[in-house]
N, C-alpha and C. Protein backbone atom coordinates (compact mmCIF):
# COMPACT_ATOMS: atom_id res chain seq x y z
N UNK A 1 -22.29 -69.02 -24.33
CA UNK A 1 -22.02 -70.14 -23.46
C UNK A 1 -22.84 -69.98 -22.18
N UNK A 2 -23.46 -71.03 -21.75
CA UNK A 2 -24.26 -71.02 -20.53
C UNK A 2 -23.51 -71.73 -19.42
N UNK A 3 -23.49 -71.12 -18.25
CA UNK A 3 -22.83 -71.68 -17.09
C UNK A 3 -23.87 -72.30 -16.15
N UNK A 4 -23.47 -73.33 -15.45
CA UNK A 4 -24.30 -73.90 -14.40
C UNK A 4 -23.94 -73.20 -13.09
N UNK A 5 -24.94 -72.75 -12.38
CA UNK A 5 -24.71 -72.06 -11.11
C UNK A 5 -25.00 -73.02 -9.96
N UNK A 6 -24.00 -73.20 -9.09
CA UNK A 6 -24.16 -74.02 -7.90
C UNK A 6 -23.83 -73.17 -6.68
N UNK A 7 -24.29 -73.62 -5.53
CA UNK A 7 -24.03 -72.93 -4.27
C UNK A 7 -23.33 -73.88 -3.32
N UNK A 8 -22.28 -73.39 -2.65
CA UNK A 8 -21.71 -74.16 -1.56
C UNK A 8 -22.81 -74.33 -0.52
N UNK A 9 -22.82 -75.43 0.21
CA UNK A 9 -23.85 -75.61 1.25
C UNK A 9 -23.90 -74.44 2.24
N UNK A 10 -22.75 -73.90 2.60
CA UNK A 10 -22.73 -72.76 3.53
C UNK A 10 -23.37 -71.53 2.90
N UNK A 11 -23.20 -71.34 1.59
CA UNK A 11 -23.83 -70.20 0.91
C UNK A 11 -25.34 -70.40 0.82
N UNK A 12 -25.78 -71.63 0.61
CA UNK A 12 -27.21 -71.92 0.61
C UNK A 12 -27.81 -71.58 1.97
N UNK A 13 -27.10 -71.93 3.03
CA UNK A 13 -27.58 -71.62 4.38
C UNK A 13 -27.60 -70.13 4.63
N UNK A 14 -26.58 -69.42 4.15
CA UNK A 14 -26.56 -67.97 4.30
C UNK A 14 -27.76 -67.33 3.59
N UNK A 15 -28.06 -67.80 2.38
CA UNK A 15 -29.21 -67.28 1.65
C UNK A 15 -30.51 -67.57 2.40
N UNK A 16 -30.64 -68.77 2.93
CA UNK A 16 -31.83 -69.11 3.70
C UNK A 16 -31.96 -68.23 4.94
N UNK A 17 -30.86 -67.99 5.63
CA UNK A 17 -30.89 -67.14 6.81
C UNK A 17 -31.29 -65.70 6.46
N UNK A 18 -30.73 -65.20 5.37
CA UNK A 18 -31.09 -63.84 4.92
C UNK A 18 -32.58 -63.79 4.61
N UNK A 19 -33.08 -64.78 3.88
CA UNK A 19 -34.49 -64.79 3.48
C UNK A 19 -35.41 -64.83 4.70
N UNK A 20 -35.07 -65.69 5.66
CA UNK A 20 -35.90 -65.83 6.85
C UNK A 20 -35.97 -64.53 7.64
N UNK A 21 -34.88 -63.80 7.70
CA UNK A 21 -34.80 -62.58 8.51
C UNK A 21 -35.07 -61.30 7.74
N UNK A 22 -35.32 -61.40 6.45
CA UNK A 22 -35.49 -60.21 5.61
C UNK A 22 -36.82 -59.50 5.88
N UNK A 23 -36.79 -58.18 5.88
CA UNK A 23 -38.04 -57.44 6.01
C UNK A 23 -38.89 -57.54 4.73
N UNK A 24 -38.23 -57.85 3.60
CA UNK A 24 -38.94 -57.99 2.32
C UNK A 24 -38.43 -59.25 1.63
N UNK A 25 -39.07 -60.37 1.91
CA UNK A 25 -38.64 -61.65 1.35
C UNK A 25 -38.77 -61.68 -0.17
N UNK A 26 -39.74 -60.99 -0.70
CA UNK A 26 -39.92 -60.95 -2.16
C UNK A 26 -38.71 -60.30 -2.82
N UNK A 27 -38.17 -59.26 -2.21
CA UNK A 27 -36.98 -58.59 -2.77
C UNK A 27 -35.78 -59.53 -2.75
N UNK A 28 -35.63 -60.32 -1.70
CA UNK A 28 -34.53 -61.28 -1.61
C UNK A 28 -34.68 -62.34 -2.69
N UNK A 29 -35.89 -62.86 -2.85
CA UNK A 29 -36.14 -63.88 -3.87
C UNK A 29 -35.86 -63.34 -5.26
N UNK A 30 -36.32 -62.12 -5.54
CA UNK A 30 -36.10 -61.51 -6.85
C UNK A 30 -34.62 -61.29 -7.12
N UNK A 31 -33.89 -60.83 -6.11
CA UNK A 31 -32.45 -60.60 -6.26
C UNK A 31 -31.72 -61.92 -6.49
N UNK A 32 -32.07 -62.95 -5.74
CA UNK A 32 -31.42 -64.26 -5.91
C UNK A 32 -31.67 -64.81 -7.31
N UNK A 33 -32.89 -64.67 -7.80
CA UNK A 33 -33.21 -65.14 -9.15
C UNK A 33 -32.44 -64.36 -10.21
N UNK A 34 -32.33 -63.05 -10.02
CA UNK A 34 -31.60 -62.21 -10.97
C UNK A 34 -30.11 -62.57 -10.95
N UNK A 35 -29.56 -62.78 -9.76
CA UNK A 35 -28.14 -63.19 -9.65
C UNK A 35 -27.91 -64.48 -10.41
N UNK A 36 -28.76 -65.48 -10.18
CA UNK A 36 -28.61 -66.76 -10.87
C UNK A 36 -28.66 -66.58 -12.38
N UNK A 37 -29.60 -65.78 -12.84
CA UNK A 37 -29.75 -65.55 -14.29
C UNK A 37 -28.50 -64.90 -14.87
N UNK A 38 -27.99 -63.87 -14.22
CA UNK A 38 -26.82 -63.15 -14.74
C UNK A 38 -25.56 -64.01 -14.67
N UNK A 39 -25.42 -64.81 -13.63
CA UNK A 39 -24.24 -65.67 -13.52
C UNK A 39 -24.29 -66.80 -14.54
N UNK A 40 -25.48 -67.24 -14.89
CA UNK A 40 -25.61 -68.29 -15.92
C UNK A 40 -25.17 -67.79 -17.29
N UNK A 41 -25.47 -66.54 -17.59
CA UNK A 41 -25.26 -66.05 -18.95
C UNK A 41 -23.91 -65.38 -19.17
N UNK A 42 -23.38 -64.68 -18.17
CA UNK A 42 -22.11 -63.98 -18.39
C UNK A 42 -21.45 -63.63 -17.06
N UNK A 43 -20.93 -64.60 -16.34
CA UNK A 43 -20.38 -64.33 -15.02
C UNK A 43 -19.16 -63.42 -15.01
N UNK A 44 -18.40 -63.42 -16.10
CA UNK A 44 -17.18 -62.60 -16.14
C UNK A 44 -17.49 -61.10 -16.17
N UNK A 45 -18.71 -60.74 -16.51
CA UNK A 45 -19.08 -59.34 -16.58
C UNK A 45 -19.84 -58.86 -15.35
N UNK A 46 -20.02 -59.72 -14.37
CA UNK A 46 -20.78 -59.36 -13.18
C UNK A 46 -19.85 -59.01 -12.02
N UNK A 47 -20.12 -57.90 -11.39
CA UNK A 47 -19.39 -57.51 -10.19
C UNK A 47 -17.96 -57.11 -10.45
N UNK A 48 -17.15 -57.32 -9.42
CA UNK A 48 -15.74 -56.91 -9.45
C UNK A 48 -14.85 -58.10 -9.11
N UNK A 49 -13.69 -58.14 -9.76
CA UNK A 49 -12.72 -59.21 -9.50
C UNK A 49 -12.08 -59.00 -8.13
N UNK A 50 -11.88 -60.09 -7.41
CA UNK A 50 -11.19 -60.06 -6.13
C UNK A 50 -9.91 -60.88 -6.17
N UNK A 51 -9.98 -62.03 -6.79
CA UNK A 51 -8.82 -62.89 -7.00
C UNK A 51 -8.94 -63.42 -8.41
N UNK A 52 -8.08 -64.33 -8.77
CA UNK A 52 -8.02 -64.80 -10.16
C UNK A 52 -9.38 -65.16 -10.74
N UNK A 53 -10.12 -66.05 -10.12
CA UNK A 53 -11.43 -66.47 -10.64
C UNK A 53 -12.57 -66.14 -9.68
N UNK A 54 -12.29 -65.34 -8.67
CA UNK A 54 -13.31 -65.00 -7.67
C UNK A 54 -13.75 -63.56 -7.86
N UNK A 55 -15.07 -63.37 -7.84
CA UNK A 55 -15.66 -62.05 -8.03
C UNK A 55 -16.70 -61.79 -6.95
N UNK A 56 -17.01 -60.52 -6.75
CA UNK A 56 -18.05 -60.09 -5.83
C UNK A 56 -19.08 -59.31 -6.63
N UNK A 57 -20.35 -59.60 -6.41
CA UNK A 57 -21.43 -59.01 -7.18
C UNK A 57 -22.55 -58.60 -6.24
N UNK A 58 -23.04 -57.38 -6.40
CA UNK A 58 -24.15 -56.87 -5.60
C UNK A 58 -25.38 -56.71 -6.47
N UNK A 59 -26.44 -57.33 -6.02
CA UNK A 59 -27.78 -57.15 -6.61
C UNK A 59 -28.68 -56.94 -5.40
N UNK A 60 -28.85 -55.68 -5.03
CA UNK A 60 -29.55 -55.35 -3.78
C UNK A 60 -30.89 -56.04 -3.67
N UNK A 61 -31.13 -56.61 -2.51
CA UNK A 61 -30.45 -56.43 -1.22
C UNK A 61 -29.38 -57.49 -0.92
N UNK A 62 -28.89 -58.20 -1.93
CA UNK A 62 -27.90 -59.25 -1.71
C UNK A 62 -26.55 -58.91 -2.32
N UNK A 63 -25.53 -59.51 -1.74
CA UNK A 63 -24.19 -59.50 -2.33
C UNK A 63 -23.71 -60.95 -2.31
N UNK A 64 -23.05 -61.36 -3.38
CA UNK A 64 -22.53 -62.72 -3.45
C UNK A 64 -21.05 -62.69 -3.83
N UNK A 65 -20.33 -63.66 -3.33
CA UNK A 65 -18.96 -63.92 -3.76
C UNK A 65 -19.03 -65.22 -4.53
N UNK A 66 -18.44 -65.25 -5.71
CA UNK A 66 -18.54 -66.46 -6.52
C UNK A 66 -17.23 -66.73 -7.23
N UNK A 67 -17.07 -68.00 -7.61
CA UNK A 67 -15.88 -68.45 -8.31
C UNK A 67 -16.30 -69.02 -9.66
N UNK A 68 -15.57 -68.63 -10.69
CA UNK A 68 -15.86 -69.09 -12.05
C UNK A 68 -14.93 -70.24 -12.40
N UNK A 69 -15.52 -71.33 -12.86
CA UNK A 69 -14.77 -72.51 -13.30
C UNK A 69 -15.00 -72.64 -14.81
N UNK A 70 -14.17 -71.99 -15.60
CA UNK A 70 -14.36 -71.97 -17.05
C UNK A 70 -14.27 -73.36 -17.68
N UNK A 71 -13.40 -74.19 -17.18
CA UNK A 71 -13.17 -75.51 -17.80
C UNK A 71 -14.44 -76.35 -17.85
N UNK A 72 -15.29 -76.22 -16.83
CA UNK A 72 -16.52 -77.01 -16.84
C UNK A 72 -17.78 -76.13 -16.87
N UNK A 73 -17.61 -74.87 -17.30
CA UNK A 73 -18.74 -73.94 -17.46
C UNK A 73 -19.62 -73.91 -16.21
N UNK A 74 -18.97 -73.68 -15.07
CA UNK A 74 -19.68 -73.68 -13.80
C UNK A 74 -19.31 -72.46 -12.98
N UNK A 75 -20.29 -71.94 -12.28
CA UNK A 75 -20.08 -70.85 -11.33
C UNK A 75 -20.51 -71.37 -9.97
N UNK A 76 -19.65 -71.21 -8.98
CA UNK A 76 -19.99 -71.64 -7.63
C UNK A 76 -20.11 -70.42 -6.74
N UNK A 77 -21.29 -70.24 -6.15
CA UNK A 77 -21.50 -69.16 -5.20
C UNK A 77 -20.90 -69.59 -3.87
N UNK A 78 -19.98 -68.76 -3.37
CA UNK A 78 -19.24 -69.10 -2.16
C UNK A 78 -19.86 -68.50 -0.91
N UNK A 79 -20.41 -67.28 -1.04
CA UNK A 79 -20.97 -66.58 0.10
C UNK A 79 -22.15 -65.74 -0.37
N UNK A 80 -23.10 -65.55 0.54
CA UNK A 80 -24.26 -64.69 0.30
C UNK A 80 -24.41 -63.79 1.52
N UNK A 81 -24.58 -62.50 1.26
CA UNK A 81 -24.73 -61.54 2.36
C UNK A 81 -25.88 -60.59 2.07
N UNK A 82 -26.49 -60.11 3.15
CA UNK A 82 -27.50 -59.06 3.10
C UNK A 82 -26.77 -57.72 3.07
N UNK A 83 -27.10 -56.86 2.10
CA UNK A 83 -26.50 -55.52 2.05
C UNK A 83 -27.56 -54.44 2.12
N UNK A 84 -28.80 -54.84 2.19
CA UNK A 84 -29.90 -53.87 2.30
C UNK A 84 -30.33 -53.34 0.97
N UNK A 85 -31.44 -52.68 0.99
CA UNK A 85 -32.03 -52.22 -0.27
C UNK A 85 -32.01 -50.77 -0.39
């Protein structure tokens, strides 16, 4: 099953802010692409559970908090943070 990955507007802004201020923008881009790929294919196996459908996943130099919506095969990224490499 393939999931659609969406970002809350605030999470999109957080990612943009991280990218703009990153010492290695290529690493941020690569991590964001890898996160999207993994969340599309198997979000339940990524990161650690925090609440019922909310998980936290680290793909250095980023960490994301996301919510899984199984009914409509969608993953929504709620937050994006810089955690360093």
